[in-house]
């Protein structure tokens, strides 16, 4: 079982406002390619995995933003670290 839930919001600085959504899509693609379980929400994406693994994914997301031409990127994260294990479904099951 995973020990960490991490919600991440990437805010890339682009040349044109129209470039923001494609940049965010590129960041989500980094998550998708990592193979971790994740859910995209309107304002952030939540991932489930091991703490170091998720931090590494966020690093790759930031690096990808620069690779595609963003001037800089603001990253906001929320982390729930629970060594005995945690899953997104543990926190949201009663709402489904």
C-alpha atoms as a PDB file:
ATOM      1  CA  UNK A   1       0.000   0.000   0.000  1.00  0.00           C
ATOM      2  CA  UNK A   2       1.179   3.540  -0.717  1.00  0.00           C
ATOM      3  CA  UNK A   3       2.263   5.772   2.134  1.00  0.00           C
ATOM      4  CA  UNK A   4       1.560   9.174   0.581  1.00  0.00           C
ATOM      5  CA  UNK A   5      -1.203  11.172  -1.050  1.00  0.00           C
ATOM      6  CA  UNK A   6      -0.013  14.314  -2.763  1.00  0.00           C
ATOM      7  CA  UNK A   7      -2.105  16.973  -4.465  1.00  0.00           C
ATOM      8  CA  UNK A   8      -0.205  19.182  -6.874  1.00  0.00           C
ATOM      9  CA  UNK A   9      -1.119  22.309  -8.803  1.00  0.00           C
ATOM     10  CA  UNK A  10       1.221  23.538 -11.538  1.00  0.00           C
ATOM     11  CA  UNK A  11       0.976  27.193 -12.560  1.00  0.00           C
ATOM     12  CA  UNK A  12       3.257  27.727 -15.571  1.00  0.00           C
ATOM     13  CA  UNK A  13       4.303  31.180 -16.755  1.00  0.00           C
ATOM     14  CA  UNK A  14       3.896  31.184 -20.523  1.00  0.00           C
ATOM     15  CA  UNK A  15       4.216  33.799 -23.254  1.00  0.00           C
ATOM     16  CA  UNK A  16       0.486  33.678 -24.029  1.00  0.00           C
ATOM     17  CA  UNK A  17      -2.500  32.769 -21.878  1.00  0.00           C
ATOM     18  CA  UNK A  18      -3.533  30.244 -24.545  1.00  0.00           C
ATOM     19  CA  UNK A  19      -0.366  28.257 -23.778  1.00  0.00           C
ATOM     20  CA  UNK A  20      -1.250  27.598 -20.131  1.00  0.00           C
ATOM     21  CA  UNK A  21      -3.680  24.684 -20.629  1.00  0.00           C
ATOM     22  CA  UNK A  22      -1.365  22.803 -23.024  1.00  0.00           C
ATOM     23  CA  UNK A  23       1.438  23.252 -20.479  1.00  0.00           C
ATOM     24  CA  UNK A  24      -0.760  21.879 -17.681  1.00  0.00           C
ATOM     25  CA  UNK A  25      -1.677  18.980 -19.968  1.00  0.00           C
ATOM     26  CA  UNK A  26       2.058  18.295 -20.403  1.00  0.00           C
ATOM     27  CA  UNK A  27       2.498  18.264 -16.621  1.00  0.00           C
ATOM     28  CA  UNK A  28      -0.367  15.779 -16.223  1.00  0.00           C
ATOM     29  CA  UNK A  29       1.210  13.628 -18.938  1.00  0.00           C
ATOM     30  CA  UNK A  30       4.336  13.358 -16.759  1.00  0.00           C
ATOM     31  CA  UNK A  31       2.140  11.974 -13.978  1.00  0.00           C
ATOM     32  CA  UNK A  32       0.373   9.605 -16.361  1.00  0.00           C
ATOM     33  CA  UNK A  33       3.658   8.261 -17.732  1.00  0.00           C
ATOM     34  CA  UNK A  34       4.907   7.593 -14.186  1.00  0.00           C
ATOM     35  CA  UNK A  35       2.322   4.864 -13.669  1.00  0.00           C
ATOM     36  CA  UNK A  36       1.092   6.083 -10.270  1.00  0.00           C
ATOM     37  CA  UNK A  37      -2.596   6.195  -9.456  1.00  0.00           C
ATOM     38  CA  UNK A  38      -3.936   9.731  -9.850  1.00  0.00           C
ATOM     39  CA  UNK A  39      -7.114  11.766 -10.192  1.00  0.00           C
ATOM     40  CA  UNK A  40      -7.377  15.059 -12.062  1.00  0.00           C
ATOM     41  CA  UNK A  41      -9.597  17.612 -10.342  1.00  0.00           C
ATOM     42  CA  UNK A  42     -10.545  21.128 -11.510  1.00  0.00           C
ATOM     43  CA  UNK A  43      -7.806  22.907  -9.530  1.00  0.00           C
ATOM     44  CA  UNK A  44      -5.249  20.186  -8.758  1.00  0.00           C
ATOM     45  CA  UNK A  45      -4.279  16.592  -9.383  1.00  0.00           C
ATOM     46  CA  UNK A  46      -3.935  14.056  -6.576  1.00  0.00           C
ATOM     47  CA  UNK A  47      -1.412  11.228  -6.782  1.00  0.00           C
ATOM     48  CA  UNK A  48      -0.993   8.118  -4.658  1.00  0.00           C
ATOM     49  CA  UNK A  49       2.394   6.495  -4.102  1.00  0.00           C
ATOM     50  CA  UNK A  50       5.595   6.552  -2.090  1.00  0.00           C
ATOM     51  CA  UNK A  51       6.780   9.945  -0.864  1.00  0.00           C
ATOM     52  CA  UNK A  52      10.121   9.953  -2.722  1.00  0.00           C
ATOM     53  CA  UNK A  53       8.455   8.694  -5.893  1.00  0.00           C
ATOM     54  CA  UNK A  54       5.862  11.483  -5.847  1.00  0.00           C
ATOM     55  CA  UNK A  55       8.437  14.172  -5.086  1.00  0.00           C
ATOM     56  CA  UNK A  56      10.461  12.916  -8.058  1.00  0.00           C
ATOM     57  CA  UNK A  57       7.387  13.186 -10.297  1.00  0.00           C
ATOM     58  CA  UNK A  58       6.855  16.803  -9.206  1.00  0.00           C
ATOM     59  CA  UNK A  59      10.488  17.555 -10.016  1.00  0.00           C
ATOM     60  CA  UNK A  60      10.011  16.068 -13.505  1.00  0.00           C
ATOM     61  CA  UNK A  61       6.824  18.102 -13.966  1.00  0.00           C
ATOM     62  CA  UNK A  62       8.697  21.322 -13.189  1.00  0.00           C
ATOM     63  CA  UNK A  63      11.567  20.388 -15.486  1.00  0.00           C
ATOM     64  CA  UNK A  64       9.101  19.573 -18.274  1.00  0.00           C
ATOM     65  CA  UNK A  65       7.537  23.042 -17.990  1.00  0.00           C
ATOM     66  CA  UNK A  66      10.924  24.645 -18.655  1.00  0.00           C
ATOM     67  CA  UNK A  67      11.658  22.194 -21.500  1.00  0.00           C
ATOM     68  CA  UNK A  68       8.491  23.256 -23.315  1.00  0.00           C
ATOM     69  CA  UNK A  69       9.322  26.944 -23.000  1.00  0.00           C
ATOM     70  CA  UNK A  70       7.734  28.183 -19.794  1.00  0.00           C
ATOM     71  CA  UNK A  71       9.676  31.015 -18.152  1.00  0.00           C
ATOM     72  CA  UNK A  72       9.078  29.603 -14.694  1.00  0.00           C
ATOM     73  CA  UNK A  73       6.524  27.590 -12.777  1.00  0.00           C
ATOM     74  CA  UNK A  74       4.809  27.844  -9.420  1.00  0.00           C
ATOM     75  CA  UNK A  75       4.050  24.488  -7.826  1.00  0.00           C
ATOM     76  CA  UNK A  76       1.679  24.127  -4.906  1.00  0.00           C
ATOM     77  CA  UNK A  77       1.569  20.808  -3.065  1.00  0.00           C
ATOM     78  CA  UNK A  78      -0.352  19.210  -0.250  1.00  0.00           C
ATOM     79  CA  UNK A  79       1.093  16.032   1.215  1.00  0.00           C
ATOM     80  CA  UNK A  80      -0.480  13.433   3.469  1.00  0.00           C
ATOM     81  CA  UNK A  81       2.263  11.068   4.625  1.00  0.00           C
ATOM     82  CA  UNK A  82       1.025   8.034   6.539  1.00  0.00           C
ATOM     83  CA  UNK A  83       3.705   5.340   6.956  1.00  0.00           C
ATOM     84  CA  UNK A  84       1.192   2.574   7.709  1.00  0.00           C
ATOM     85  CA  UNK A  85      -0.471   3.217   4.329  1.00  0.00           C
ATOM     86  CA  UNK A  86      -3.081   5.466   2.756  1.00  0.00           C
ATOM     87  CA  UNK A  87      -5.194   5.470  -0.401  1.00  0.00           C
ATOM     88  CA  UNK A  88      -7.379   8.094  -2.066  1.00  0.00           C
ATOM     89  CA  UNK A  89     -10.349   5.767  -1.690  1.00  0.00           C
ATOM     90  CA  UNK A  90      -9.809   5.676   2.096  1.00  0.00           C
ATOM     91  CA  UNK A  91     -10.660   9.381   2.236  1.00  0.00           C
ATOM     92  CA  UNK A  92     -13.365   9.595  -0.419  1.00  0.00           C
ATOM     93  CA  UNK A  93     -15.227   6.274  -0.311  1.00  0.00           C
ATOM     94  CA  UNK A  94     -18.144   7.624   1.763  1.00  0.00           C
ATOM     95  CA  UNK A  95     -18.816  10.258  -0.918  1.00  0.00           C
ATOM     96  CA  UNK A  96     -19.245   7.756  -3.733  1.00  0.00           C
END
